[in-house]
Every structure is written in C-alpha cells, then in structure tokens.
Protein backbone atom coordinates (compact mmCIF):
# COMPACT_ATOMS: atom_id res chain seq x y z
CA UNK A 1 91.39 80.62 19.57
CA UNK A 2 91.22 83.36 22.19
CA UNK A 3 93.87 83.71 24.89
CA UNK A 4 93.79 85.54 28.22
CA UNK A 5 96.25 88.39 28.88
CA UNK A 6 97.08 90.78 31.70
CA UNK A 7 97.02 94.46 30.71
CA UNK A 8 100.08 96.66 31.25
CA UNK A 9 100.63 100.33 30.44
CA UNK A 10 103.78 102.39 30.03
CA UNK A 11 103.67 106.16 30.19
CA UNK A 12 105.84 108.35 27.97
CA UNK A 13 108.37 108.60 30.82
CA UNK A 14 108.91 104.83 30.78
CA UNK A 15 107.00 103.90 33.96
CA UNK A 16 105.34 100.49 33.59
CA UNK A 17 102.14 99.74 35.51
CA UNK A 18 100.36 96.40 35.78
CA UNK A 19 96.64 97.15 35.52
CA UNK A 20 95.28 94.06 37.36
CA UNK A 21 92.79 93.71 34.50
CA UNK A 22 92.63 90.85 32.06
CA UNK A 23 91.45 90.75 28.47
CA UNK A 24 90.67 87.84 26.20
CA UNK A 25 91.79 88.39 22.61
CA UNK A 26 91.82 86.47 19.34
CA UNK A 27 93.84 88.96 17.31
CA UNK A 28 96.96 90.38 18.92
CA UNK A 29 98.66 91.57 15.73
CA UNK A 30 98.92 95.20 16.89
CA UNK A 31 100.94 94.11 19.95
CA UNK A 32 104.22 93.23 18.27
CA UNK A 33 107.01 94.81 20.35
CA UNK A 34 108.08 92.13 22.86
CA UNK A 35 109.83 93.10 26.10
CA UNK A 36 110.98 90.70 28.82
CA UNK A 37 109.76 91.58 32.31
CA UNK A 38 111.68 91.29 35.57
CA UNK A 39 109.99 91.59 38.95
CA UNK A 40 106.49 90.98 37.62
CA UNK A 41 104.38 87.79 37.65
CA UNK A 42 104.34 87.63 33.83
CA UNK A 43 107.58 86.92 31.98
CA UNK A 44 107.07 89.20 28.98
CA UNK A 45 104.75 91.84 27.57
CA UNK A 46 103.85 92.70 23.99
CA UNK A 47 103.45 96.44 23.41
CA UNK A 48 101.33 98.57 21.14
CA UNK A 49 103.23 101.86 20.98
CA UNK A 50 101.69 105.30 20.46
CA UNK A 51 103.15 108.45 18.91
CA UNK A 52 103.49 110.23 22.28
CA UNK A 53 105.83 107.50 23.57
CA UNK A 54 103.25 105.73 25.75
CA UNK A 55 102.16 102.15 25.18
CA UNK A 56 99.52 99.60 26.09
CA UNK A 57 100.69 96.05 26.54
CA UNK A 58 99.37 92.56 26.97
CA UNK A 59 101.18 89.79 28.80
CA UNK A 60 100.29 86.11 28.71
CA UNK A 61 98.82 85.22 32.11
CA UNK A 62 101.23 83.31 34.33
CA UNK A 63 100.13 79.99 35.85
CA UNK A 64 100.50 81.41 39.38
CA UNK A 65 98.14 84.28 38.59
CA UNK A 66 95.67 82.05 36.74
CA UNK A 67 95.52 79.69 39.74
CA UNK A 68 95.34 82.66 42.16
CA UNK A 69 98.32 81.50 44.20
CA UNK A 70 100.09 84.85 44.15
CA UNK A 71 99.14 88.19 45.72
CA UNK A 72 99.29 89.78 42.26
CA UNK A 73 96.12 87.94 41.22
CA UNK A 74 93.99 89.88 43.69
CA UNK A 75 95.22 93.35 42.84
CA UNK A 76 96.22 94.01 46.46
CA UNK A 77 99.69 95.08 45.52
CA UNK A 78 101.01 97.00 42.55
CA UNK A 79 104.42 98.36 41.70
CA UNK A 80 105.88 100.52 38.98
CA UNK A 81 109.12 99.76 37.23
CA UNK A 82 111.09 102.09 35.05
CA UNK A 83 111.98 100.49 31.74
C-alpha cells in the first residue's frame, strides 16, 4: 500500500531543506537511515545517502500538514537547519 511523504534534501555541508513537495511511494527500501527532526512539521526523515555526502529524504506527512492547518503545507515559509 502506497504512503504519502514529504521530500527533504541535505547537501554535503549538512544543510537540510524541506522541498514542499510530496511523493507517494510503495517501496521505500532505499531510504533506510532514520533521523529525528526538530523544528520541522514532520517528526523524522528517512535518508538515501549519496557518495558525495548529500542525501534525499522522505518524511511521513504529519497530520497538521495533511489537513493544511499549518503554514508549512502551503510552501509559504521554508527554513534550513544544519544537521
């Protein structure tokens, strides 16, 4: 069964960016490195790491974002966090 996720990226310097883009996936086996998030709507992200140190991540959509009761759901505001 497919699940909906928010896309995150992390550059090779450790800066995390929430992409304000969702994906629906059945197979998430390549996203196996879990990291807890603080200061973001989602509670955790699962990373697929690349050789250059960057990563693409997926985070289970939070209820507040799914119901569009937070400013993060509209993409109006974005912030970067250093891991």
